[in-house]
C-alpha atoms as a PDB file:
ATOM      1  CA  MET A   1     -41.401  23.796  69.038  1.00  0.00           C
ATOM      2  CA  LYS A   2     -40.309  20.934  66.808  1.00  0.00           C
ATOM      3  CA  LYS A   3     -39.907  17.542  68.447  1.00  0.00           C
ATOM      4  CA  SER A   4     -36.476  15.934  68.137  1.00  0.00           C
ATOM      5  CA  GLY A   5     -37.868  13.053  66.089  1.00  0.00           C
ATOM      6  CA  GLN A   6     -39.459  15.205  63.420  1.00  0.00           C
ATOM      7  CA  LEU A   7     -37.737  15.626  60.093  1.00  0.00           C
ATOM      8  CA  PRO A   8     -37.277  19.350  59.345  1.00  0.00           C
ATOM      9  CA  LEU A   9     -37.801  20.385  55.772  1.00  0.00           C
ATOM     10  CA  ASP A  10     -34.317  21.851  55.456  1.00  0.00           C
ATOM     11  CA  LEU A  11     -32.797  18.480  56.351  1.00  0.00           C
ATOM     12  CA  VAL A  12     -33.990  16.892  53.119  1.00  0.00           C
ATOM     13  CA  LEU A  13     -30.868  17.326  51.016  1.00  0.00           C
ATOM     14  CA  GLU A  14     -30.716  18.399  47.408  1.00  0.00           C
ATOM     15  CA  PRO A  15     -29.447  15.503  45.259  1.00  0.00           C
ATOM     16  CA  ASP A  16     -25.715  15.625  44.582  1.00  0.00           C
ATOM     17  CA  TYR A  17     -25.329  15.052  40.826  1.00  0.00           C
ATOM     18  CA  ARG A  18     -21.593  15.736  40.549  1.00  0.00           C
ATOM     19  CA  ALA A  19     -19.574  13.077  38.729  1.00  0.00           C
ATOM     20  CA  GLU A  20     -17.372  12.533  41.818  1.00  0.00           C
ATOM     21  CA  ALA A  21     -20.469  11.694  43.872  1.00  0.00           C
ATOM     22  CA  PHE A  22     -21.476   8.815  41.574  1.00  0.00           C
ATOM     23  CA  GLU A  23     -20.546   5.522  43.284  1.00  0.00           C
ATOM     24  CA  VAL A  24     -19.719   2.754  40.834  1.00  0.00           C
ATOM     25  CA  THR A  25     -20.609  -0.922  41.404  1.00  0.00           C
ATOM     26  CA  GLU A  26     -21.666  -3.878  39.269  1.00  0.00           C
ATOM     27  CA  SER A  27     -25.230  -2.526  39.175  1.00  0.00           C
ATOM     28  CA  ASN A  28     -24.260   0.606  37.227  1.00  0.00           C
ATOM     29  CA  ALA A  29     -20.741   0.190  35.779  1.00  0.00           C
ATOM     30  CA  ALA A  30     -21.860  -0.950  32.308  1.00  0.00           C
ATOM     31  CA  ALA A  31     -24.392   1.868  31.999  1.00  0.00           C
ATOM     32  CA  LEU A  32     -21.816   4.423  33.113  1.00  0.00           C
ATOM     33  CA  ALA A  33     -19.369   3.179  30.493  1.00  0.00           C
ATOM     34  CA  LEU A  34     -21.974   3.582  27.725  1.00  0.00           C
ATOM     35  CA  VAL A  35     -22.952   7.077  28.797  1.00  0.00           C
ATOM     36  CA  ASP A  36     -19.288   8.084  29.087  1.00  0.00           C
ATOM     37  CA  ARG A  37     -18.692   6.880  25.502  1.00  0.00           C
ATOM     38  CA  TRP A  38     -20.607   9.920  24.229  1.00  0.00           C
ATOM     39  CA  PRO A  39     -20.559  11.173  21.510  1.00  0.00           C
ATOM     40  CA  ARG A  40     -19.565   7.847  20.007  1.00  0.00           C
ATOM     41  CA  TRP A  41     -22.996   6.228  20.333  1.00  0.00           C
ATOM     42  CA  ARG A  42     -24.310   3.866  17.670  1.00  0.00           C
ATOM     43  CA  GLN A  43     -26.758   5.745  15.414  1.00  0.00           C
ATOM     44  CA  GLY A  44     -26.054   8.865  17.480  1.00  0.00           C
ATOM     45  CA  HIS A  45     -28.377   8.049  20.356  1.00  0.00           C
ATOM     46  CA  LEU A  46     -28.568   6.097  23.608  1.00  0.00           C
ATOM     47  CA  LEU A  47     -31.493   4.859  25.677  1.00  0.00           C
ATOM     48  CA  LEU A  48     -30.858   4.920  29.445  1.00  0.00           C
ATOM     49  CA  VAL A  49     -33.284   2.711  31.398  1.00  0.00           C
ATOM     50  CA  GLY A  50     -33.510   2.227  35.142  1.00  0.00           C
ATOM     51  CA  PRO A  51     -35.995   2.206  38.027  1.00  0.00           C
ATOM     52  CA  ALA A  52     -36.342   5.064  40.503  1.00  0.00           C
ATOM     53  CA  GLY A  53     -33.299   5.351  42.726  1.00  0.00           C
ATOM     54  CA  SER A  54     -30.982   3.487  40.341  1.00  0.00           C
ATOM     55  CA  GLY A  55     -28.901   6.549  39.409  1.00  0.00           C
ATOM     56  CA  LYS A  56     -30.575   7.322  36.087  1.00  0.00           C
ATOM     57  CA  THR A  57     -31.103  10.998  36.886  1.00  0.00           C
ATOM     58  CA  HIS A  58     -27.593  11.285  38.260  1.00  0.00           C
ATOM     59  CA  LEU A  59     -26.116   9.849  35.066  1.00  0.00           C
ATOM     60  CA  SER A  60     -28.215  12.090  32.839  1.00  0.00           C
ATOM     61  CA  HIS A  61     -27.098  15.138  34.830  1.00  0.00           C
ATOM     62  CA  MET A  62     -23.463  14.068  34.529  1.00  0.00           C
ATOM     63  CA  TRP A  63     -23.878  13.747  30.783  1.00  0.00           C
ATOM     64  CA  ALA A  64     -25.750  17.050  30.532  1.00  0.00           C
ATOM     65  CA  ALA A  65     -22.860  18.809  32.291  1.00  0.00           C
ATOM     66  CA  ARG A  66     -20.628  17.711  29.400  1.00  0.00           C
ATOM     67  CA  ALA A  67     -23.049  17.900  26.473  1.00  0.00           C
ATOM     68  CA  CYS A  68     -25.088  21.041  27.397  1.00  0.00           C
ATOM     69  CA  PRO A  69     -28.168  19.587  25.656  1.00  0.00           C
ATOM     70  CA  LEU A  70     -31.530  20.929  24.726  1.00  0.00           C
ATOM     71  CA  ARG A  71     -34.066  19.507  27.213  1.00  0.00           C
ATOM     72  CA  PRO A  72     -37.534  19.523  25.651  1.00  0.00           C
ATOM     73  CA  GLY A  73     -40.296  17.605  27.390  1.00  0.00           C
ATOM     74  CA  ALA A  74     -41.086  14.203  25.913  1.00  0.00           C
ATOM     75  CA  GLY A  75     -44.421  15.488  24.668  1.00  0.00           C
ATOM     76  CA  MET A  76     -43.038  18.791  23.325  1.00  0.00           C
ATOM     77  CA  LEU A  77     -40.387  17.548  20.946  1.00  0.00           C
ATOM     78  CA  SER A  78     -41.955  18.921  17.765  1.00  0.00           C
ATOM     79  CA  ARG A  79     -41.332  22.498  18.975  1.00  0.00           C
ATOM     80  CA  ALA A  80     -37.661  21.746  19.557  1.00  0.00           C
ATOM     81  CA  LEU A  81     -36.880  20.106  16.207  1.00  0.00           C
ATOM     82  CA  ASP A  82     -36.091  23.434  14.529  1.00  0.00           C
ATOM     83  CA  GLN A  83     -33.393  24.046  17.140  1.00  0.00           C
ATOM     84  CA  VAL A  84     -31.603  20.746  16.450  1.00  0.00           C
ATOM     85  CA  GLU A  85     -28.755  21.976  14.301  1.00  0.00           C
ATOM     86  CA  ARG A  86     -25.428  20.276  13.618  1.00  0.00           C
ATOM     87  CA  GLY A  87     -23.512  19.765  16.872  1.00  0.00           C
ATOM     88  CA  VAL A  88     -26.586  19.909  19.118  1.00  0.00           C
ATOM     89  CA  ALA A  89     -27.224  17.362  21.865  1.00  0.00           C
ATOM     90  CA  VAL A  90     -30.742  16.586  23.084  1.00  0.00           C
ATOM     91  CA  LEU A  91     -31.934  15.057  26.358  1.00  0.00           C
ATOM     92  CA  VAL A  92     -35.416  13.504  26.276  1.00  0.00           C
ATOM     93  CA  GLU A  93     -36.455  12.322  29.725  1.00  0.00           C
ATOM     94  CA  ASP A  94     -39.216   9.936  30.846  1.00  0.00           C
ATOM     95  CA  CYS A  95     -39.926   8.629  27.357  1.00  0.00           C
ATOM     96  CA  ASP A  96     -41.963   5.750  28.800  1.00  0.00           C
ATOM     97  CA  HIS A  97     -44.561   8.208  30.133  1.00  0.00           C
ATOM     98  CA  GLY A  98     -45.714   9.203  26.672  1.00  0.00           C
ATOM     99  CA  VAL A  99     -43.780  10.876  23.917  1.00  0.00           C
ATOM    100  CA  ASP A 100     -44.438  12.832  20.710  1.00  0.00           C
ATOM    101  CA  GLU A 101     -43.775   9.812  18.511  1.00  0.00           C
ATOM    102  CA  ASP A 102     -43.476  11.547  15.148  1.00  0.00           C
ATOM    103  CA  ALA A 103     -41.081  14.112  16.571  1.00  0.00           C
ATOM    104  CA  LEU A 104     -38.941  11.510  18.352  1.00  0.00           C
ATOM    105  CA  PHE A 105     -38.739   9.444  15.167  1.00  0.00           C
ATOM    106  CA  HIS A 106     -37.541  12.451  13.165  1.00  0.00           C
ATOM    107  CA  LEU A 107     -35.068  13.388  15.932  1.00  0.00           C
ATOM    108  CA  LEU A 108     -33.538   9.896  15.988  1.00  0.00           C
ATOM    109  CA  ASN A 109     -33.313   9.853  12.219  1.00  0.00           C
ATOM    110  CA  ARG A 110     -31.492  13.170  12.366  1.00  0.00           C
ATOM    111  CA  ALA A 111     -29.028  11.724  14.890  1.00  0.00           C
ATOM    112  CA  ALA A 112     -28.505   8.606  12.783  1.00  0.00           C
ATOM    113  CA  ASN A 113     -27.727  10.672   9.675  1.00  0.00           C
ATOM    114  CA  ASP A 114     -25.676  13.463  11.275  1.00  0.00           C
ATOM    115  CA  ALA A 115     -22.628  12.435  13.275  1.00  0.00           C
ATOM    116  CA  LYS A 116     -22.711  15.737  15.179  1.00  0.00           C
ATOM    117  CA  VAL A 117     -26.265  15.339  16.576  1.00  0.00           C
ATOM    118  CA  THR A 118     -26.676  13.166  19.672  1.00  0.00           C
ATOM    119  CA  VAL A 119     -29.711  12.167  21.712  1.00  0.00           C
ATOM    120  CA  LEU A 120     -29.938  10.699  25.200  1.00  0.00           C
ATOM    121  CA  MET A 121     -33.333   9.244  26.132  1.00  0.00           C
ATOM    122  CA  THR A 122     -34.262   8.137  29.677  1.00  0.00           C
ATOM    123  CA  ALA A 123     -37.019   5.845  30.876  1.00  0.00           C
ATOM    124  CA  GLY A 124     -37.977   4.039  34.040  1.00  0.00           C
ATOM    125  CA  LYS A 125     -39.302   0.960  32.248  1.00  0.00           C
ATOM    126  CA  ALA A 126     -38.020  -1.378  29.583  1.00  0.00           C
ATOM    127  CA  LEU A 127     -38.908  -0.481  25.994  1.00  0.00           C
ATOM    128  CA  GLU A 128     -41.295  -3.452  25.694  1.00  0.00           C
ATOM    129  CA  SER A 129     -43.730  -1.777  28.104  1.00  0.00           C
ATOM    130  CA  TRP A 130     -43.809   1.633  26.364  1.00  0.00           C
ATOM    131  CA  PRO A 131     -47.088   2.654  24.705  1.00  0.00           C
ATOM    132  CA  ILE A 132     -45.537   3.071  21.229  1.00  0.00           C
ATOM    133  CA  HIS A 133     -48.007   3.151  18.306  1.00  0.00           C
ATOM    134  CA  LEU A 134     -45.787   4.266  15.434  1.00  0.00           C
ATOM    135  CA  PRO A 135     -44.184   1.146  13.869  1.00  0.00           C
ATOM    136  CA  ASP A 136     -41.217   3.033  12.409  1.00  0.00           C
ATOM    137  CA  LEU A 137     -40.411   4.524  15.809  1.00  0.00           C
ATOM    138  CA  ALA A 138     -40.729   1.146  17.526  1.00  0.00           C
ATOM    139  CA  SER A 139     -38.317  -0.333  14.997  1.00  0.00           C
ATOM    140  CA  ARG A 140     -35.853   2.504  15.487  1.00  0.00           C
ATOM    141  CA  LEU A 141     -36.040   2.219  19.291  1.00  0.00           C
ATOM    142  CA  HIS A 142     -35.574  -1.548  19.300  1.00  0.00           C
ATOM    143  CA  ALA A 143     -32.380  -1.036  17.305  1.00  0.00           C
ATOM    144  CA  SER A 144     -31.136   1.542  19.795  1.00  0.00           C
ATOM    145  CA  GLU A 145     -28.092   1.065  21.950  1.00  0.00           C
ATOM    146  CA  THR A 146     -29.407   0.687  25.511  1.00  0.00           C
ATOM    147  CA  ALA A 147     -27.749   1.310  28.888  1.00  0.00           C
ATOM    148  CA  VAL A 148     -29.551  -0.493  31.697  1.00  0.00           C
ATOM    149  CA  LEU A 149     -29.326   0.496  35.354  1.00  0.00           C
ATOM    150  CA  HIS A 150     -30.430  -1.944  38.008  1.00  0.00           C
ATOM    151  CA  GLU A 151     -31.873  -1.238  41.447  1.00  0.00           C
ATOM    152  CA  PRO A 152     -29.040  -0.152  43.794  1.00  0.00           C
ATOM    153  CA  ASP A 153     -27.415  -3.238  45.298  1.00  0.00           C
ATOM    154  CA  ASP A 154     -26.076  -3.614  48.820  1.00  0.00           C
ATOM    155  CA  ALA A 155     -22.530  -2.986  47.610  1.00  0.00           C
ATOM    156  CA  LEU A 156     -23.481   0.398  46.189  1.00  0.00           C
ATOM    157  CA  LEU A 157     -25.589   1.471  49.180  1.00  0.00           C
ATOM    158  CA  ARG A 158     -22.862   0.340  51.573  1.00  0.00           C
ATOM    159  CA  GLN A 159     -20.277   2.435  49.696  1.00  0.00           C
ATOM    160  CA  VAL A 160     -22.552   5.465  49.785  1.00  0.00           C
ATOM    161  CA  MET A 161     -23.371   5.146  53.477  1.00  0.00           C
ATOM    162  CA  GLU A 162     -19.790   4.468  54.548  1.00  0.00           C
ATOM    163  CA  LYS A 163     -18.639   7.541  52.671  1.00  0.00           C
ATOM    164  CA  LEU A 164     -21.429   9.712  54.126  1.00  0.00           C
ATOM    165  CA  PHE A 165     -20.663   8.577  57.677  1.00  0.00           C
ATOM    166  CA  ARG A 166     -16.933   9.093  57.076  1.00  0.00           C
ATOM    167  CA  ASP A 167     -17.353  12.539  55.543  1.00  0.00           C
ATOM    168  CA  ARG A 168     -19.451  13.634  58.506  1.00  0.00           C
ATOM    169  CA  ARG A 169     -17.012  12.032  60.981  1.00  0.00           C
ATOM    170  CA  MET A 170     -19.875  10.238  62.681  1.00  0.00           C
ATOM    171  CA  LEU A 171     -19.464   7.592  65.368  1.00  0.00           C
ATOM    172  CA  VAL A 172     -21.424   4.535  64.243  1.00  0.00           C
ATOM    173  CA  SER A 173     -21.917   1.444  66.407  1.00  0.00           C
ATOM    174  CA  PRO A 174     -20.989  -1.949  64.912  1.00  0.00           C
ATOM    175  CA  GLY A 175     -23.713  -3.589  62.831  1.00  0.00           C
ATOM    176  CA  VAL A 176     -25.662  -0.375  62.165  1.00  0.00           C
ATOM    177  CA  ILE A 177     -24.955  -0.296  58.417  1.00  0.00           C
ATOM    178  CA  GLU A 178     -25.993  -3.936  58.055  1.00  0.00           C
ATOM    179  CA  TYR A 179     -29.166  -3.191  60.027  1.00  0.00           C
ATOM    180  CA  LEU A 180     -30.026  -0.294  57.728  1.00  0.00           C
ATOM    181  CA  LEU A 181     -29.226  -2.188  54.525  1.00  0.00           C
ATOM    182  CA  ASP A 182     -31.737  -4.870  55.472  1.00  0.00           C
ATOM    183  CA  ARG A 183     -34.559  -2.360  55.966  1.00  0.00           C
ATOM    184  CA  MET A 184     -34.003   0.854  54.031  1.00  0.00           C
ATOM    185  CA  GLU A 185     -35.436   2.059  50.743  1.00  0.00           C
ATOM    186  CA  ARG A 186     -33.177   1.106  47.842  1.00  0.00           C
ATOM    187  CA  SER A 187     -32.251   4.640  46.898  1.00  0.00           C
ATOM    188  CA  VAL A 188     -29.076   6.715  47.120  1.00  0.00           C
ATOM    189  CA  ASP A 189     -31.070   9.880  47.813  1.00  0.00           C
ATOM    190  CA  TYR A 190     -32.882   8.095  50.633  1.00  0.00           C
ATOM    191  CA  ALA A 191     -29.512   7.006  52.092  1.00  0.00           C
ATOM    192  CA  ARG A 192     -28.272  10.621  52.019  1.00  0.00           C
ATOM    193  CA  ASN A 193     -31.341  11.932  53.808  1.00  0.00           C
ATOM    194  CA  LEU A 194     -31.270   9.105  56.331  1.00  0.00           C
ATOM    195  CA  VAL A 195     -27.639   9.770  57.227  1.00  0.00           C
ATOM    196  CA  ALA A 196     -28.364  13.493  57.524  1.00  0.00           C
ATOM    197  CA  TRP A 197     -31.163  12.742  60.016  1.00  0.00           C
ATOM    198  CA  LEU A 198     -28.962  10.354  61.998  1.00  0.00           C
ATOM    199  CA  ASP A 199     -26.148  12.931  62.093  1.00  0.00           C
ATOM    200  CA  ARG A 200     -28.462  15.624  63.423  1.00  0.00           C
ATOM    201  CA  GLU A 201     -30.006  13.393  66.059  1.00  0.00           C
ATOM    202  CA  ALA A 202     -26.687  11.973  67.218  1.00  0.00           C
ATOM    203  CA  LEU A 203     -25.355  15.499  67.693  1.00  0.00           C
ATOM    204  CA  VAL A 204     -28.480  16.621  69.574  1.00  0.00           C
ATOM    205  CA  ARG A 205     -28.395  13.579  71.870  1.00  0.00           C
ATOM    206  CA  LYS A 206     -24.600  13.516  72.092  1.00  0.00           C
ATOM    207  CA  LYS A 207     -24.529   9.805  71.365  1.00  0.00           C
ATOM    208  CA  PRO A 208     -23.163   7.581  68.595  1.00  0.00           C
ATOM    209  CA  VAL A 209     -25.462   6.189  65.899  1.00  0.00           C
ATOM    210  CA  THR A 210     -26.873   2.979  67.364  1.00  0.00           C
ATOM    211  CA  ARG A 211     -29.381   0.447  66.080  1.00  0.00           C
ATOM    212  CA  THR A 212     -32.018   2.093  68.265  1.00  0.00           C
ATOM    213  CA  LEU A 213     -31.432   5.458  66.614  1.00  0.00           C
ATOM    214  CA  ALA A 214     -31.252   3.792  63.192  1.00  0.00           C
ATOM    215  CA  ARG A 215     -34.632   2.166  63.755  1.00  0.00           C
ATOM    216  CA  GLU A 216     -36.109   5.520  64.771  1.00  0.00           C
ATOM    217  CA  GLY A 217     -34.691   7.173  61.669  1.00  0.00           C
ATOM    218  CA  LEU A 218     -36.191   4.535  59.408  1.00  0.00           C
ATOM    219  CA  GLU A 219     -39.597   5.041  61.046  1.00  0.00           C
ATOM    220  CA  ILE A 220     -39.410   8.828  60.738  1.00  0.00           C
ATOM    221  CA  LEU A 221     -38.424   8.785  57.066  1.00  0.00           C
ATOM    222  CA  SER A 222     -41.126   6.255  56.219  1.00  0.00           C
ATOM    223  CA  THR A 223     -43.928   8.538  57.396  1.00  0.00           C
END
């Protein structure tokens, strides 16, 4: 029998990538505005950069819901080039982990020369740290319009947690959110799973969410 403190596998929630679930703060507002400006991107492409947990994947999913892009792997672009016809959008994720440089260069040139072709690239690290060897590609990328996401700030995480607690109609003791913000992983997905655990345990124990329960949740999710 599962102990109350254990985290059941079905409690880890699937990420919610709907546009209405994207919380906007100073850390992501500028990047959101650039992504939403599609398809009016300079040279037909946009580079979206942000660390894990910053909302990069959420934004790319929101864009993909509108653009219905091709989604070739970063290292498999050459096979997809023949499918890039007029009006096609392309999503190339994790470009900083290694990319087919010749194919990406040709794809970006196509976007620059055809107003109906658009490309969204994502990366976890700034362009300066990418292992790019092709000078023409490096030049093209450095001229790219770039949307930068920052690590989720307290304002964003507070908004997310307050909404999650409110949606679940949970009783939360004073100071619990502040306690969690000082100690939790800086990730919206982490916040969602943490609140789900707290909700389950509070219902099982028939008690409000207190600092003691919050501390236990942090310990459970960190293992």
